[in-house]
N, C-alpha and C. Protein backbone atom coordinates (compact mmCIF):
# COMPACT_ATOMS: atom_id res chain seq x y z
N MET A 1 8.56 -17.14 35.91
CA MET A 1 8.32 -17.28 34.47
C MET A 1 9.31 -16.40 33.69
N ASP A 2 9.73 -16.93 32.54
CA ASP A 2 10.68 -16.20 31.68
C ASP A 2 9.93 -15.72 30.44
N TYR A 3 9.61 -14.43 30.43
CA TYR A 3 8.85 -13.87 29.33
C TYR A 3 9.77 -13.24 28.28
N ASN A 4 9.31 -13.25 27.02
CA ASN A 4 10.11 -12.65 25.95
C ASN A 4 10.35 -11.17 26.18
N THR A 5 9.38 -10.51 26.83
CA THR A 5 9.52 -9.08 27.08
C THR A 5 10.65 -8.79 28.06
N GLN A 6 11.07 -9.82 28.83
CA GLN A 6 12.14 -9.63 29.80
C GLN A 6 13.49 -10.06 29.23
N ARG A 7 13.47 -10.65 28.04
CA ARG A 7 14.71 -11.12 27.44
C ARG A 7 15.35 -10.03 26.58
N LYS A 8 16.56 -10.33 26.13
CA LYS A 8 17.29 -9.41 25.26
C LYS A 8 16.53 -9.28 23.93
N GLN A 9 16.44 -8.06 23.44
CA GLN A 9 15.72 -7.81 22.19
C GLN A 9 16.47 -8.44 21.02
N LEU A 10 15.71 -9.11 20.13
CA LEU A 10 16.31 -9.77 18.98
C LEU A 10 16.63 -8.74 17.90
N GLN A 11 17.79 -8.91 17.27
CA GLN A 11 18.17 -8.02 16.17
C GLN A 11 17.29 -8.26 14.95
N LEU A 12 17.08 -9.54 14.62
CA LEU A 12 16.21 -9.90 13.49
C LEU A 12 15.22 -10.95 13.99
N PRO A 13 14.06 -10.53 14.47
CA PRO A 13 13.09 -11.44 15.08
C PRO A 13 12.63 -12.57 14.16
N GLU A 14 12.74 -12.39 12.83
CA GLU A 14 12.24 -13.41 11.92
C GLU A 14 13.01 -14.72 12.01
N TYR A 15 14.22 -14.68 12.57
CA TYR A 15 15.01 -15.90 12.71
C TYR A 15 14.76 -16.60 14.05
N GLY A 16 14.16 -15.92 14.98
CA GLY A 16 13.84 -16.54 16.25
C GLY A 16 14.98 -16.47 17.25
N ARG A 17 14.67 -16.80 18.50
CA ARG A 17 15.64 -16.70 19.58
C ARG A 17 16.69 -17.80 19.54
N THR A 18 16.32 -18.98 19.02
CA THR A 18 17.29 -20.08 18.98
C THR A 18 18.47 -19.74 18.06
N ILE A 19 18.17 -19.19 16.89
CA ILE A 19 19.23 -18.80 15.96
C ILE A 19 20.08 -17.70 16.58
N GLN A 20 19.46 -16.78 17.27
CA GLN A 20 20.20 -15.69 17.92
C GLN A 20 21.16 -16.25 18.97
N LYS A 21 20.71 -17.26 19.70
CA LYS A 21 21.59 -17.89 20.69
C LYS A 21 22.78 -18.56 20.03
N MET A 22 22.55 -19.17 18.85
CA MET A 22 23.65 -19.79 18.12
C MET A 22 24.69 -18.74 17.70
N VAL A 23 24.19 -17.60 17.22
CA VAL A 23 25.09 -16.52 16.81
C VAL A 23 25.87 -16.01 18.01
N ASP A 24 25.19 -15.84 19.14
CA ASP A 24 25.87 -15.39 20.36
C ASP A 24 26.94 -16.38 20.78
N TYR A 25 26.64 -17.68 20.62
CA TYR A 25 27.62 -18.71 20.98
C TYR A 25 28.84 -18.63 20.07
N CYS A 26 28.62 -18.37 18.78
CA CYS A 26 29.75 -18.24 17.84
C CYS A 26 30.70 -17.14 18.30
N CYS A 27 30.15 -16.08 18.80
CA CYS A 27 30.98 -14.95 19.22
C CYS A 27 31.84 -15.28 20.45
N THR A 28 31.44 -16.29 21.22
CA THR A 28 32.18 -16.64 22.43
C THR A 28 33.34 -17.58 22.16
N LEU A 29 33.38 -18.21 20.98
CA LEU A 29 34.45 -19.16 20.66
C LEU A 29 35.77 -18.41 20.50
N GLU A 30 36.81 -18.96 21.10
CA GLU A 30 38.11 -18.27 21.11
C GLU A 30 38.89 -18.47 19.83
N ASP A 31 38.76 -19.62 19.19
CA ASP A 31 39.52 -19.92 17.99
C ASP A 31 38.78 -19.40 16.76
N LYS A 32 39.50 -18.62 15.93
CA LYS A 32 38.86 -18.02 14.75
C LYS A 32 38.38 -19.08 13.77
N GLU A 33 39.14 -20.14 13.61
CA GLU A 33 38.74 -21.20 12.68
C GLU A 33 37.45 -21.87 13.17
N GLU A 34 37.37 -22.09 14.48
CA GLU A 34 36.16 -22.69 15.05
C GLU A 34 34.96 -21.75 14.89
N ARG A 35 35.22 -20.46 15.06
CA ARG A 35 34.13 -19.48 14.89
C ARG A 35 33.62 -19.50 13.46
N THR A 36 34.56 -19.60 12.50
CA THR A 36 34.16 -19.61 11.09
C THR A 36 33.34 -20.85 10.76
N LYS A 37 33.77 -22.01 11.29
CA LYS A 37 33.01 -23.25 11.07
C LYS A 37 31.62 -23.14 11.68
N ALA A 38 31.56 -22.62 12.89
CA ALA A 38 30.26 -22.48 13.56
C ALA A 38 29.37 -21.51 12.80
N ALA A 39 29.97 -20.43 12.27
CA ALA A 39 29.19 -19.45 11.51
C ALA A 39 28.61 -20.07 10.25
N ASN A 40 29.40 -20.90 9.56
CA ASN A 40 28.91 -21.58 8.36
C ASN A 40 27.76 -22.53 8.71
N ALA A 41 27.85 -23.17 9.88
CA ALA A 41 26.77 -24.06 10.31
C ALA A 41 25.49 -23.28 10.57
N VAL A 42 25.64 -22.10 11.18
CA VAL A 42 24.47 -21.26 11.45
C VAL A 42 23.85 -20.78 10.14
N ILE A 43 24.71 -20.40 9.18
CA ILE A 43 24.21 -19.96 7.87
C ILE A 43 23.42 -21.08 7.20
N ALA A 44 23.89 -22.32 7.32
CA ALA A 44 23.18 -23.46 6.73
C ALA A 44 21.80 -23.62 7.35
N ILE A 45 21.72 -23.45 8.66
CA ILE A 45 20.43 -23.57 9.35
C ILE A 45 19.51 -22.43 8.94
N MET A 46 20.06 -21.23 8.84
CA MET A 46 19.26 -20.08 8.40
C MET A 46 18.75 -20.29 6.98
N GLY A 47 19.59 -20.89 6.12
CA GLY A 47 19.16 -21.18 4.76
C GLY A 47 18.07 -22.22 4.69
N ASN A 48 18.12 -23.20 5.63
CA ASN A 48 17.09 -24.25 5.66
C ASN A 48 15.71 -23.70 5.99
N MET A 49 15.68 -22.51 6.57
CA MET A 49 14.38 -21.89 6.87
C MET A 49 13.69 -21.42 5.59
N ASN A 50 14.48 -21.25 4.52
CA ASN A 50 13.94 -20.89 3.20
C ASN A 50 14.63 -21.78 2.16
N PRO A 51 14.31 -23.08 2.13
CA PRO A 51 15.05 -24.03 1.27
C PRO A 51 14.98 -23.71 -0.22
N HIS A 52 13.92 -23.06 -0.67
CA HIS A 52 13.79 -22.76 -2.09
C HIS A 52 14.72 -21.62 -2.51
N LEU A 53 15.34 -20.93 -1.53
CA LEU A 53 16.21 -19.80 -1.86
C LEU A 53 17.67 -20.02 -1.44
N ARG A 54 17.95 -21.10 -0.73
CA ARG A 54 19.26 -21.23 -0.10
C ARG A 54 20.41 -21.38 -1.10
N ASP A 55 20.13 -21.81 -2.34
CA ASP A 55 21.19 -21.98 -3.34
C ASP A 55 21.32 -20.77 -4.27
N VAL A 56 20.56 -19.73 -4.03
CA VAL A 56 20.65 -18.52 -4.84
C VAL A 56 21.79 -17.65 -4.30
N PRO A 57 22.76 -17.28 -5.15
CA PRO A 57 23.93 -16.53 -4.67
C PRO A 57 23.57 -15.27 -3.89
N ASP A 58 22.66 -14.47 -4.42
CA ASP A 58 22.29 -13.23 -3.73
C ASP A 58 21.66 -13.51 -2.38
N PHE A 59 20.94 -14.62 -2.29
CA PHE A 59 20.30 -14.97 -1.03
C PHE A 59 21.36 -15.34 0.01
N LYS A 60 22.39 -16.06 -0.41
CA LYS A 60 23.48 -16.40 0.51
C LYS A 60 24.16 -15.14 1.04
N HIS A 61 24.37 -14.21 0.13
CA HIS A 61 24.98 -12.94 0.55
C HIS A 61 24.12 -12.26 1.61
N LYS A 62 22.81 -12.30 1.41
CA LYS A 62 21.90 -11.68 2.36
C LYS A 62 21.96 -12.38 3.71
N LEU A 63 22.10 -13.70 3.69
CA LEU A 63 22.20 -14.44 4.96
C LEU A 63 23.43 -14.02 5.75
N TRP A 64 24.55 -13.86 5.05
CA TRP A 64 25.77 -13.43 5.73
C TRP A 64 25.63 -12.01 6.27
N ASP A 65 24.93 -11.17 5.54
CA ASP A 65 24.65 -9.82 6.04
C ASP A 65 23.82 -9.88 7.31
N HIS A 66 22.83 -10.76 7.31
CA HIS A 66 21.98 -10.92 8.49
C HIS A 66 22.78 -11.45 9.67
N LEU A 67 23.71 -12.35 9.40
CA LEU A 67 24.56 -12.87 10.47
C LEU A 67 25.39 -11.75 11.10
N ALA A 68 25.92 -10.88 10.26
CA ALA A 68 26.70 -9.75 10.77
C ALA A 68 25.83 -8.85 11.65
N ILE A 69 24.60 -8.61 11.22
CA ILE A 69 23.70 -7.76 12.00
C ILE A 69 23.35 -8.41 13.33
N MET A 70 23.08 -9.71 13.30
CA MET A 70 22.70 -10.43 14.52
C MET A 70 23.85 -10.50 15.52
N SER A 71 25.08 -10.41 15.03
CA SER A 71 26.25 -10.43 15.93
C SER A 71 26.70 -9.03 16.31
N ASN A 72 25.91 -8.02 15.92
CA ASN A 72 26.28 -6.62 16.18
C ASN A 72 27.64 -6.29 15.57
N PHE A 73 27.95 -6.96 14.46
CA PHE A 73 29.19 -6.72 13.71
C PHE A 73 30.44 -7.04 14.54
N LYS A 74 30.27 -7.92 15.54
CA LYS A 74 31.39 -8.25 16.42
C LYS A 74 31.99 -9.63 16.12
N LEU A 75 31.40 -10.36 15.18
CA LEU A 75 31.86 -11.72 14.90
C LEU A 75 33.11 -11.67 14.02
N ASP A 76 34.24 -12.09 14.58
CA ASP A 76 35.53 -12.06 13.88
C ASP A 76 35.76 -13.41 13.20
N ILE A 77 35.43 -13.49 11.91
CA ILE A 77 35.58 -14.73 11.14
C ILE A 77 36.10 -14.38 9.75
N GLU A 78 36.30 -15.43 8.95
CA GLU A 78 36.65 -15.23 7.54
C GLU A 78 35.34 -15.05 6.75
N TRP A 79 35.00 -13.81 6.49
CA TRP A 79 33.73 -13.51 5.82
C TRP A 79 33.86 -13.77 4.32
N PRO A 80 32.90 -14.52 3.73
CA PRO A 80 32.96 -14.77 2.29
C PRO A 80 32.53 -13.56 1.46
N TYR A 81 31.87 -12.61 2.10
CA TYR A 81 31.41 -11.39 1.43
C TYR A 81 31.82 -10.19 2.27
N PRO A 82 31.94 -9.01 1.65
CA PRO A 82 32.21 -7.80 2.44
C PRO A 82 31.08 -7.57 3.44
N MET A 83 31.43 -7.16 4.63
CA MET A 83 30.41 -6.90 5.65
C MET A 83 29.60 -5.66 5.26
N PRO A 84 28.32 -5.67 5.58
CA PRO A 84 27.49 -4.49 5.24
C PRO A 84 27.92 -3.27 6.04
N ASP A 85 27.61 -2.11 5.50
CA ASP A 85 27.95 -0.84 6.15
C ASP A 85 26.97 -0.58 7.29
N ILE A 86 27.46 -0.56 8.50
CA ILE A 86 26.60 -0.40 9.67
C ILE A 86 25.88 0.95 9.66
N GLN A 87 26.52 1.98 9.09
CA GLN A 87 25.89 3.30 9.05
C GLN A 87 24.69 3.32 8.12
N LEU A 88 24.80 2.58 6.99
CA LEU A 88 23.67 2.53 6.06
C LEU A 88 22.50 1.78 6.68
N ILE A 89 22.81 0.74 7.46
CA ILE A 89 21.74 -0.05 8.08
C ILE A 89 21.04 0.75 9.16
N GLN A 90 21.79 1.52 9.92
CA GLN A 90 21.20 2.30 11.01
C GLN A 90 20.54 3.60 10.53
N GLU A 91 20.82 3.96 9.29
CA GLU A 91 20.26 5.19 8.75
C GLU A 91 18.75 5.07 8.58
N LYS A 92 18.01 6.04 9.06
CA LYS A 92 16.55 6.02 8.96
C LYS A 92 16.12 6.50 7.59
N PRO A 93 15.09 5.88 7.02
CA PRO A 93 14.60 6.33 5.70
C PRO A 93 13.99 7.72 5.79
N GLU A 94 13.97 8.41 4.65
CA GLU A 94 13.37 9.73 4.62
C GLU A 94 11.87 9.64 4.84
N LYS A 95 11.35 10.63 5.50
CA LYS A 95 9.92 10.67 5.81
C LYS A 95 9.11 10.88 4.54
N LEU A 96 8.08 10.06 4.37
CA LEU A 96 7.22 10.17 3.21
C LEU A 96 6.23 11.32 3.39
N ASP A 97 5.99 12.02 2.31
CA ASP A 97 5.00 13.08 2.34
C ASP A 97 3.63 12.51 1.98
N TYR A 98 2.76 12.51 2.95
CA TYR A 98 1.40 12.01 2.73
C TYR A 98 0.47 13.18 2.41
N SER A 99 -0.51 12.89 1.60
CA SER A 99 -1.49 13.91 1.28
C SER A 99 -2.36 14.16 2.51
N ASP A 100 -2.97 15.33 2.55
CA ASP A 100 -3.80 15.67 3.71
C ASP A 100 -5.13 14.93 3.71
N GLY A 101 -5.45 14.27 2.58
CA GLY A 101 -6.69 13.50 2.51
C GLY A 101 -7.95 14.34 2.50
N ASN A 102 -7.80 15.62 2.20
CA ASN A 102 -8.95 16.52 2.21
C ASN A 102 -9.76 16.34 0.92
N ILE A 103 -10.87 15.65 1.01
CA ILE A 103 -11.75 15.43 -0.13
C ILE A 103 -13.06 16.17 0.17
N ARG A 104 -13.35 17.14 -0.63
CA ARG A 104 -14.51 18.00 -0.34
C ARG A 104 -15.82 17.24 -0.51
N PHE A 105 -15.92 16.49 -1.61
CA PHE A 105 -17.12 15.68 -1.84
C PHE A 105 -16.67 14.24 -2.08
N ARG A 106 -16.89 13.39 -1.10
CA ARG A 106 -16.38 12.02 -1.18
C ARG A 106 -17.04 11.20 -2.28
N HIS A 107 -18.25 11.57 -2.68
CA HIS A 107 -18.93 10.80 -3.72
C HIS A 107 -18.30 11.04 -5.08
N TYR A 108 -17.43 12.04 -5.21
CA TYR A 108 -16.72 12.25 -6.47
C TYR A 108 -15.30 11.71 -6.42
N GLY A 109 -14.71 11.71 -5.25
CA GLY A 109 -13.35 11.22 -5.12
C GLY A 109 -12.32 12.32 -5.28
N LYS A 110 -11.11 12.06 -4.85
CA LYS A 110 -10.06 13.08 -4.85
C LYS A 110 -9.50 13.34 -6.24
N PHE A 111 -9.35 12.29 -7.06
CA PHE A 111 -8.77 12.48 -8.39
C PHE A 111 -9.68 13.35 -9.26
N ILE A 112 -10.98 13.15 -9.16
CA ILE A 112 -11.92 13.98 -9.92
C ILE A 112 -11.76 15.43 -9.50
N GLN A 113 -11.60 15.64 -8.21
CA GLN A 113 -11.43 16.99 -7.68
C GLN A 113 -10.18 17.64 -8.27
N GLN A 114 -9.10 16.87 -8.42
CA GLN A 114 -7.86 17.40 -8.96
C GLN A 114 -7.97 17.66 -10.46
N ILE A 115 -8.66 16.75 -11.17
CA ILE A 115 -8.79 16.90 -12.62
C ILE A 115 -9.62 18.14 -12.97
N ILE A 116 -10.69 18.35 -12.22
CA ILE A 116 -11.57 19.48 -12.49
C ILE A 116 -10.81 20.80 -12.41
N LYS A 117 -9.91 20.90 -11.46
CA LYS A 117 -9.14 22.14 -11.29
C LYS A 117 -8.22 22.40 -12.48
N LYS A 118 -7.92 21.37 -13.27
CA LYS A 118 -7.03 21.53 -14.42
C LYS A 118 -7.77 22.01 -15.67
N ILE A 119 -9.10 21.94 -15.66
CA ILE A 119 -9.86 22.32 -16.86
C ILE A 119 -9.61 23.77 -17.23
N ASN A 120 -9.44 24.61 -16.24
CA ASN A 120 -9.21 26.04 -16.50
C ASN A 120 -7.89 26.30 -17.21
N ASP A 121 -7.01 25.32 -17.23
CA ASP A 121 -5.70 25.51 -17.88
C ASP A 121 -5.80 25.48 -19.40
N TYR A 122 -6.95 25.00 -19.91
CA TYR A 122 -7.12 24.92 -21.36
C TYR A 122 -7.57 26.27 -21.92
N ASP A 123 -6.92 26.68 -23.01
CA ASP A 123 -7.22 27.99 -23.62
C ASP A 123 -8.36 27.92 -24.63
N ASP A 124 -8.48 26.80 -25.33
CA ASP A 124 -9.50 26.65 -26.36
C ASP A 124 -10.88 26.54 -25.70
N PRO A 125 -11.82 27.47 -25.94
CA PRO A 125 -13.14 27.43 -25.30
C PRO A 125 -13.92 26.15 -25.62
N LYS A 126 -13.84 25.67 -26.88
CA LYS A 126 -14.57 24.46 -27.26
C LYS A 126 -14.02 23.24 -26.52
N GLU A 127 -12.70 23.17 -26.44
CA GLU A 127 -12.08 22.05 -25.74
C GLU A 127 -12.41 22.09 -24.25
N LYS A 128 -12.41 23.30 -23.69
CA LYS A 128 -12.74 23.46 -22.28
C LYS A 128 -14.19 23.05 -22.00
N GLN A 129 -15.11 23.44 -22.89
CA GLN A 129 -16.52 23.09 -22.70
C GLN A 129 -16.74 21.59 -22.84
N ALA A 130 -16.01 20.96 -23.79
CA ALA A 130 -16.14 19.52 -23.97
C ALA A 130 -15.66 18.77 -22.72
N LEU A 131 -14.54 19.21 -22.16
CA LEU A 131 -14.03 18.59 -20.93
C LEU A 131 -14.98 18.82 -19.76
N LEU A 132 -15.54 20.04 -19.71
CA LEU A 132 -16.49 20.36 -18.64
C LEU A 132 -17.71 19.44 -18.70
N GLU A 133 -18.21 19.22 -19.90
CA GLU A 133 -19.39 18.35 -20.06
C GLU A 133 -19.06 16.92 -19.67
N ILE A 134 -17.88 16.43 -20.07
CA ILE A 134 -17.47 15.06 -19.72
C ILE A 134 -17.36 14.90 -18.21
N MET A 135 -16.70 15.87 -17.54
CA MET A 135 -16.51 15.78 -16.10
C MET A 135 -17.83 15.93 -15.35
N ALA A 136 -18.71 16.81 -15.82
CA ALA A 136 -20.00 16.99 -15.15
C ALA A 136 -20.82 15.71 -15.24
N ASN A 137 -20.82 15.07 -16.40
CA ASN A 137 -21.54 13.80 -16.54
C ASN A 137 -20.93 12.71 -15.66
N HIS A 138 -19.60 12.72 -15.59
CA HIS A 138 -18.94 11.73 -14.73
C HIS A 138 -19.28 11.97 -13.26
N MET A 139 -19.35 13.22 -12.87
CA MET A 139 -19.73 13.56 -11.50
C MET A 139 -21.14 13.08 -11.19
N LYS A 140 -22.05 13.30 -12.13
CA LYS A 140 -23.43 12.88 -11.90
C LYS A 140 -23.53 11.37 -11.75
N ARG A 141 -22.82 10.67 -12.61
CA ARG A 141 -22.83 9.21 -12.54
C ARG A 141 -22.22 8.73 -11.22
N SER A 142 -21.11 9.34 -10.81
CA SER A 142 -20.45 8.96 -9.55
C SER A 142 -21.37 9.22 -8.36
N TYR A 143 -22.08 10.34 -8.41
CA TYR A 143 -23.02 10.67 -7.34
C TYR A 143 -24.10 9.60 -7.22
N MET A 144 -24.66 9.19 -8.37
CA MET A 144 -25.76 8.21 -8.36
C MET A 144 -25.27 6.83 -7.93
N VAL A 145 -24.03 6.48 -8.30
CA VAL A 145 -23.46 5.20 -7.86
C VAL A 145 -23.27 5.21 -6.34
N TRP A 146 -22.83 6.36 -5.81
CA TRP A 146 -22.55 6.48 -4.37
C TRP A 146 -23.85 6.55 -3.56
N LYS A 147 -24.76 7.43 -3.98
CA LYS A 147 -25.97 7.69 -3.21
C LYS A 147 -27.11 6.74 -3.52
N LYS A 148 -27.04 6.07 -4.69
CA LYS A 148 -28.12 5.18 -5.12
C LYS A 148 -29.45 5.92 -5.25
N GLU A 149 -29.39 7.14 -5.75
CA GLU A 149 -30.59 7.93 -5.96
C GLU A 149 -30.33 8.95 -7.07
N PRO A 150 -31.38 9.42 -7.75
CA PRO A 150 -31.19 10.40 -8.82
C PRO A 150 -30.72 11.73 -8.27
N ILE A 151 -30.13 12.54 -9.14
CA ILE A 151 -29.63 13.84 -8.72
C ILE A 151 -29.94 14.86 -9.80
N PRO A 152 -30.50 16.02 -9.43
CA PRO A 152 -30.76 17.07 -10.42
C PRO A 152 -29.43 17.65 -10.94
N ASP A 153 -29.45 18.08 -12.19
CA ASP A 153 -28.25 18.66 -12.78
C ASP A 153 -27.77 19.88 -11.99
N GLU A 154 -28.72 20.63 -11.40
CA GLU A 154 -28.36 21.84 -10.70
C GLU A 154 -27.41 21.57 -9.53
N ILE A 155 -27.59 20.42 -8.88
CA ILE A 155 -26.70 20.08 -7.75
C ILE A 155 -25.29 19.83 -8.25
N VAL A 156 -25.17 19.12 -9.38
CA VAL A 156 -23.85 18.87 -9.96
C VAL A 156 -23.17 20.18 -10.32
N PHE A 157 -23.93 21.08 -10.96
CA PHE A 157 -23.36 22.36 -11.37
C PHE A 157 -22.93 23.18 -10.15
N ARG A 158 -23.75 23.15 -9.10
CA ARG A 158 -23.42 23.92 -7.89
C ARG A 158 -22.14 23.37 -7.24
N GLU A 159 -22.04 22.06 -7.14
CA GLU A 159 -20.86 21.47 -6.52
C GLU A 159 -19.64 21.60 -7.42
N LEU A 160 -19.87 21.59 -8.73
CA LEU A 160 -18.77 21.81 -9.67
C LEU A 160 -18.21 23.22 -9.50
N ALA A 161 -19.11 24.19 -9.33
CA ALA A 161 -18.67 25.57 -9.10
C ALA A 161 -17.91 25.70 -7.78
N MET A 162 -18.36 24.96 -6.77
CA MET A 162 -17.68 25.00 -5.47
C MET A 162 -16.28 24.40 -5.55
N LEU A 163 -16.14 23.33 -6.34
CA LEU A 163 -14.83 22.69 -6.48
C LEU A 163 -13.83 23.57 -7.22
N THR A 164 -14.34 24.45 -8.07
CA THR A 164 -13.45 25.34 -8.84
C THR A 164 -13.45 26.75 -8.27
N ASN A 165 -14.05 26.92 -7.08
CA ASN A 165 -14.13 28.23 -6.44
C ASN A 165 -14.79 29.28 -7.35
N GLY A 166 -15.75 28.82 -8.15
CA GLY A 166 -16.49 29.73 -9.01
C GLY A 166 -15.72 30.22 -10.22
N GLU A 167 -14.54 29.67 -10.46
CA GLU A 167 -13.71 30.14 -11.58
C GLU A 167 -14.14 29.56 -12.91
N LEU A 168 -14.88 28.45 -12.88
CA LEU A 168 -15.27 27.77 -14.12
C LEU A 168 -16.69 28.18 -14.50
N GLU A 169 -16.83 28.76 -15.67
CA GLU A 169 -18.15 29.20 -16.14
C GLU A 169 -18.90 28.02 -16.75
N ILE A 170 -20.10 27.77 -16.25
CA ILE A 170 -20.90 26.63 -16.71
C ILE A 170 -21.96 27.15 -17.69
N PRO A 171 -21.96 26.67 -18.92
CA PRO A 171 -22.95 27.13 -19.92
C PRO A 171 -24.38 26.89 -19.46
N GLU A 172 -25.27 27.82 -19.74
CA GLU A 172 -26.67 27.71 -19.30
C GLU A 172 -27.39 26.58 -20.02
N ASP A 173 -26.98 26.26 -21.25
CA ASP A 173 -27.67 25.23 -22.02
C ASP A 173 -27.11 23.83 -21.79
N LEU A 174 -26.20 23.69 -20.82
CA LEU A 174 -25.59 22.38 -20.57
C LEU A 174 -26.60 21.45 -19.92
N ARG A 175 -26.83 20.29 -20.52
CA ARG A 175 -27.73 19.29 -19.98
C ARG A 175 -26.97 17.97 -19.85
N LEU A 176 -27.18 17.30 -18.73
CA LEU A 176 -26.45 16.07 -18.45
C LEU A 176 -27.30 14.84 -18.72
N ASN A 177 -26.65 13.71 -18.91
CA ASN A 177 -27.36 12.45 -19.12
C ASN A 177 -28.10 12.05 -17.85
N ASP A 178 -29.15 11.23 -18.02
CA ASP A 178 -29.94 10.85 -16.84
C ASP A 178 -29.39 9.62 -16.12
N PHE A 179 -28.61 8.79 -16.82
CA PHE A 179 -27.97 7.62 -16.20
C PHE A 179 -28.98 6.73 -15.47
N LYS A 180 -30.11 6.47 -16.11
CA LYS A 180 -31.10 5.60 -15.49
C LYS A 180 -30.56 4.19 -15.26
N GLU A 181 -29.61 3.78 -16.12
CA GLU A 181 -29.10 2.41 -16.00
C GLU A 181 -28.39 2.19 -14.67
N VAL A 182 -27.87 3.26 -14.06
CA VAL A 182 -27.20 3.13 -12.76
C VAL A 182 -28.18 2.65 -11.71
N LEU A 183 -29.35 3.30 -11.66
CA LEU A 183 -30.37 2.92 -10.68
C LEU A 183 -31.01 1.59 -11.03
N ILE A 184 -31.17 1.33 -12.34
CA ILE A 184 -31.75 0.05 -12.76
C ILE A 184 -30.84 -1.10 -12.35
N ASN A 185 -29.54 -0.94 -12.59
CA ASN A 185 -28.58 -1.98 -12.21
C ASN A 185 -28.54 -2.18 -10.70
N HIS A 186 -28.63 -1.07 -9.96
CA HIS A 186 -28.65 -1.16 -8.50
C HIS A 186 -29.88 -1.93 -8.04
N HIS A 187 -31.03 -1.63 -8.66
CA HIS A 187 -32.27 -2.32 -8.30
C HIS A 187 -32.18 -3.81 -8.62
N ASN A 188 -31.64 -4.13 -9.80
CA ASN A 188 -31.50 -5.53 -10.20
C ASN A 188 -30.54 -6.29 -9.28
N ASN A 189 -29.45 -5.64 -8.89
CA ASN A 189 -28.48 -6.29 -8.01
C ASN A 189 -29.09 -6.57 -6.64
N ASN A 190 -29.89 -5.64 -6.15
CA ASN A 190 -30.56 -5.85 -4.86
C ASN A 190 -31.54 -7.01 -4.94
N ASN A 191 -32.27 -7.10 -6.07
CA ASN A 191 -33.21 -8.20 -6.24
C ASN A 191 -32.49 -9.55 -6.29
N GLN A 192 -31.34 -9.59 -6.98
CA GLN A 192 -30.56 -10.82 -7.06
C GLN A 192 -30.07 -11.25 -5.68
N LYS A 193 -29.60 -10.29 -4.88
CA LYS A 193 -29.13 -10.62 -3.53
C LYS A 193 -30.27 -11.13 -2.67
N THR A 194 -31.45 -10.49 -2.82
CA THR A 194 -32.62 -10.92 -2.04
C THR A 194 -33.03 -12.34 -2.42
N ASN A 195 -33.04 -12.63 -3.73
CA ASN A 195 -33.41 -13.96 -4.19
C ASN A 195 -32.42 -15.03 -3.70
N LYS A 196 -31.14 -14.68 -3.68
CA LYS A 196 -30.13 -15.63 -3.19
C LYS A 196 -30.34 -15.95 -1.72
N ARG A 197 -30.64 -14.90 -0.94
CA ARG A 197 -30.88 -15.12 0.49
C ARG A 197 -32.11 -15.99 0.70
N ARG A 198 -33.16 -15.73 -0.10
CA ARG A 198 -34.38 -16.54 0.04
C ARG A 198 -34.11 -17.99 -0.34
N SER A 199 -33.31 -18.20 -1.39
CA SER A 199 -32.99 -19.56 -1.81
C SER A 199 -32.20 -20.30 -0.75
N SER A 200 -31.27 -19.59 -0.11
CA SER A 200 -30.47 -20.23 0.93
C SER A 200 -31.32 -20.60 2.13
N TYR A 201 -32.31 -19.75 2.47
CA TYR A 201 -33.21 -20.06 3.58
C TYR A 201 -34.05 -21.30 3.26
N LYS A 202 -34.52 -21.41 1.99
CA LYS A 202 -35.33 -22.55 1.62
C LYS A 202 -34.55 -23.86 1.69
N ARG A 203 -33.25 -23.81 1.30
CA ARG A 203 -32.44 -25.03 1.35
C ARG A 203 -32.21 -25.47 2.79
N LYS A 204 -32.12 -24.50 3.70
CA LYS A 204 -31.93 -24.88 5.11
C LYS A 204 -33.17 -25.55 5.68
């Protein structure tokens, strides 16, 4: 048996092994004019694989670049475009810096965690307190959406203090909204899903 794993690795697998064989055959032709004709024929076949793009000038240029890559830059023909720079193609992209993904409380999310740490940057006490109240209410709502259960304000305040390492002073008179509509909507959605399932069973 002849398995693909035992064959020569394809330079551009998206074109398939048949196209690669055609390119290899072009390289074996001794006459430069014949090689150029054969190369144009291969380009036409490659273009037919994407007929909606084959008449776009930039797309044609890309096809010729792909032909050069598939021939390992060894195909000696009359190129209609400058050959691509082999060093740029072989150059590896820079490594992306990924975040560590450390989210202390997943029910609040990472962005909330980052925003809360910025509240201390505000100098105006009234503005800082207003932002603190907005974020605390948002945290409570996020918690109830995630957990599907009510949460005492004290838990929000405690976790808010933990997220800011105790640097953010929470006013004693701060009271948060109850967000009953979150639980009501959750209850209604569950009832709707249950009714749909019952209706589907009855139809069966």
